[in-house]
């Protein structure tokens, strides 16, 4: 607990135009990794545009570690097939949280992160003030696959008694 800075809640919203890995569809799920932590969403059967709406929470002790995301196709009788991967940095979100903003109108854009060769963003990612919290919406373009994106929302959670930011 002495190294804990806070928690990162990752709302895995949906996949868009994911690759077909079974005969006509896929049974996708997402695995999120950061350092030694590994979390996964539920499997959505026969759907290349799945709506997971799953919340996964990582304990953050090192802000420099990237968060890695991999989409898999669940298979019953063989190893699960990879359907692409992506990664992202939490630095921009953390910097916005460190501003200690208060009382902004809902939907106020704090900052924007542009897509580049250094990140997996498929479009501009806005960090906004929403219901008294700093959140970041992002669409990640999957790598090492012919097609697919995953939509996420990040939220920093302060843990009382932790080192904090």
Protein backbone atom coordinates (compact mmCIF):
# COMPACT_ATOMS: atom_id res chain seq x y z
CA UNK A 1 0.00 0.00 0.00
CA UNK A 2 2.91 2.40 0.65
CA UNK A 3 3.72 2.59 -3.09
CA UNK A 4 0.10 2.93 -4.22
CA UNK A 5 -0.60 6.24 -5.97
CA UNK A 6 -4.27 5.53 -6.71
CA UNK A 7 -6.55 3.41 -8.86
CA UNK A 8 -7.35 3.61 -12.55
CA UNK A 9 -10.87 2.55 -13.46
CA UNK A 10 -11.07 1.48 -17.11
CA UNK A 11 -14.59 1.30 -18.49
CA UNK A 12 -14.29 -1.02 -21.50
CA UNK A 13 -17.29 0.20 -23.44
CA UNK A 14 -17.33 -1.53 -26.81
CA UNK A 15 -15.46 -2.95 -29.78
CA UNK A 16 -16.05 -1.66 -33.30
CA UNK A 17 -15.56 -3.67 -36.50
CA UNK A 18 -13.42 -6.35 -34.84
CA UNK A 19 -11.81 -9.07 -36.92
CA UNK A 20 -13.68 -12.30 -37.74
CA UNK A 21 -11.81 -15.25 -36.20
CA UNK A 22 -14.47 -17.97 -36.30
CA UNK A 23 -16.41 -18.93 -39.45
CA UNK A 24 -18.55 -15.79 -39.72
CA UNK A 25 -18.04 -13.95 -36.43
CA UNK A 26 -15.99 -13.93 -33.21
CA UNK A 27 -16.51 -14.35 -29.45
CA UNK A 28 -14.39 -11.41 -28.26
CA UNK A 29 -13.10 -10.41 -24.84
CA UNK A 30 -10.47 -7.89 -23.73
CA UNK A 31 -7.43 -8.47 -21.51
CA UNK A 32 -5.85 -5.42 -19.83
CA UNK A 33 -2.30 -5.67 -18.48
CA UNK A 34 -0.13 -3.25 -16.55
CA UNK A 35 3.07 -4.56 -15.00
CA UNK A 36 2.11 -7.80 -13.23
CA UNK A 37 -1.63 -7.03 -13.14
CA UNK A 38 -3.99 -8.74 -15.59
CA UNK A 39 -7.75 -8.17 -15.86
CA UNK A 40 -10.33 -9.27 -18.39
CA UNK A 41 -13.83 -8.52 -19.58
CA UNK A 42 -16.58 -11.05 -20.13
CA UNK A 43 -16.90 -12.84 -23.48
CA UNK A 44 -19.55 -11.55 -25.90
CA UNK A 45 -20.70 -14.41 -28.14
CA UNK A 46 -20.85 -14.14 -31.94
CA UNK A 47 -20.34 -10.38 -32.25
CA UNK A 48 -17.70 -8.25 -34.02
CA UNK A 49 -19.26 -5.05 -32.55
CA UNK A 50 -19.53 -6.12 -28.89
CA UNK A 51 -20.86 -3.93 -26.05
CA UNK A 52 -18.98 -4.98 -22.92
CA UNK A 53 -19.66 -2.04 -20.58
CA UNK A 54 -17.29 -3.69 -18.07
CA UNK A 55 -15.36 -1.77 -15.40
CA UNK A 56 -11.82 -3.01 -14.69
CA UNK A 57 -9.65 -1.39 -11.99
CA UNK A 58 -5.85 -1.30 -11.89
CA UNK A 59 -3.74 -0.37 -8.85
CA UNK A 60 -1.24 2.29 -9.93
CA UNK A 61 2.21 2.43 -8.33
CA UNK A 62 4.29 3.42 -11.38
CA UNK A 63 3.00 6.15 -13.71
CA UNK A 64 5.57 5.34 -16.39
CA UNK A 65 4.18 1.86 -17.18
CA UNK A 66 1.94 1.67 -20.26
CA UNK A 67 -1.43 -0.03 -20.07
CA UNK A 68 -1.61 -2.86 -22.62
CA UNK A 69 -4.86 -4.10 -24.12
CA UNK A 70 -5.34 -7.28 -26.17
CA UNK A 71 -8.56 -8.51 -27.75
CA UNK A 72 -9.03 -12.29 -28.01
CA UNK A 73 -11.59 -14.59 -29.60
CA UNK A 74 -12.74 -17.29 -27.15
CA UNK A 75 -12.43 -20.76 -28.64
CA UNK A 76 -13.79 -23.89 -26.98
CA UNK A 77 -11.49 -26.59 -28.32
CA UNK A 78 -8.31 -24.67 -29.13
CA UNK A 79 -6.23 -21.76 -27.86
CA UNK A 80 -8.01 -18.40 -28.01
CA UNK A 81 -7.14 -16.37 -31.13
CA UNK A 82 -5.58 -12.93 -30.87
CA UNK A 83 -7.70 -10.19 -32.46
CA UNK A 84 -5.28 -7.28 -32.09
CA UNK A 85 -3.63 -5.21 -29.39
CA UNK A 86 -3.04 -1.61 -28.35
CA UNK A 87 -1.44 0.32 -25.52
CA UNK A 88 -1.82 3.73 -23.94
CA UNK A 89 -0.14 6.00 -21.42
CA UNK A 90 -1.96 7.41 -18.39
CA UNK A 91 0.29 10.50 -18.13
CA UNK A 92 -2.15 12.99 -19.73
CA UNK A 93 -5.00 11.89 -17.42
CA UNK A 94 -2.75 12.02 -14.35
CA UNK A 95 -1.53 15.52 -15.27
CA UNK A 96 -5.15 16.70 -15.51
CA UNK A 97 -5.95 15.14 -12.10
CA UNK A 98 -2.90 16.89 -10.58
CA UNK A 99 -4.44 20.27 -11.51
CA UNK A 100 -6.86 19.76 -8.56
CA UNK A 101 -9.72 21.36 -10.46
CA UNK A 102 -12.99 22.11 -8.69
CA UNK A 103 -16.52 23.11 -9.67
CA UNK A 104 -16.21 23.16 -13.45
CA UNK A 105 -19.35 22.82 -15.58
CA UNK A 106 -20.03 19.23 -16.70
CA UNK A 107 -18.43 18.45 -20.05
CA UNK A 108 -15.64 21.04 -19.74
CA UNK A 109 -12.67 19.89 -21.84
CA UNK A 110 -9.48 20.08 -19.75
CA UNK A 111 -7.09 18.93 -22.46
CA UNK A 112 -6.95 16.89 -25.66
CA UNK A 113 -4.56 14.16 -26.81
CA UNK A 114 -4.02 13.91 -30.56
CA UNK A 115 -3.53 10.60 -32.41
CA UNK A 116 0.09 10.05 -33.45
CA UNK A 117 2.56 7.35 -34.43
CA UNK A 118 3.54 7.16 -30.74
CA UNK A 119 0.05 6.15 -29.53
CA UNK A 120 -2.79 3.87 -30.64
CA UNK A 121 -5.48 6.56 -30.66
CA UNK A 122 -7.72 6.45 -33.74
CA UNK A 123 -9.13 9.91 -33.03
CA UNK A 124 -8.65 12.85 -30.69
CA UNK A 125 -9.00 11.84 -27.03
CA UNK A 126 -10.59 14.43 -24.71
CA UNK A 127 -9.96 14.64 -20.98
CA UNK A 128 -13.09 16.20 -19.50
CA UNK A 129 -14.67 17.23 -16.22
CA UNK A 130 -17.76 15.09 -15.60
CA UNK A 131 -19.79 14.89 -12.36
CA UNK A 132 -16.92 16.23 -10.25
CA UNK A 133 -14.39 13.82 -11.78
CA UNK A 134 -11.67 13.93 -14.42
CA UNK A 135 -12.31 11.30 -17.13
CA UNK A 136 -10.69 10.48 -20.46
CA UNK A 137 -12.56 9.01 -23.42
CA UNK A 138 -10.48 7.16 -26.00
CA UNK A 139 -10.84 5.08 -29.15
CA UNK A 140 -7.86 2.76 -29.64
CA UNK A 141 -7.01 1.38 -33.07
CA UNK A 142 -5.91 -2.24 -32.70
CA UNK A 143 -2.48 -3.21 -34.05
CA UNK A 144 -1.34 -6.51 -35.58
CA UNK A 145 -4.78 -7.18 -37.05
CA UNK A 146 -6.67 -6.24 -40.22
CA UNK A 147 -9.41 -4.20 -38.51
CA UNK A 148 -10.89 -3.11 -35.19
CA UNK A 149 -11.11 -0.43 -32.51
CA UNK A 150 -11.95 -0.47 -28.80
CA UNK A 151 -13.67 2.38 -26.95
CA UNK A 152 -12.62 3.06 -23.34
CA UNK A 153 -13.19 5.62 -20.62
CA UNK A 154 -10.51 6.16 -17.96
CA UNK A 155 -11.12 7.57 -14.49
CA UNK A 156 -8.58 8.20 -11.71
CA UNK A 157 -9.70 7.15 -8.22
CA UNK A 158 -7.93 8.61 -5.19
CA UNK A 159 -7.42 6.09 -2.38
CA UNK A 160 -7.41 7.56 1.16
CA UNK A 161 -4.17 6.58 2.91
CA UNK A 162 -2.27 6.07 -0.36
CA UNK A 163 0.76 8.11 -1.41
CA UNK A 164 -1.44 9.97 -3.89
CA UNK A 165 -0.25 12.04 -6.84
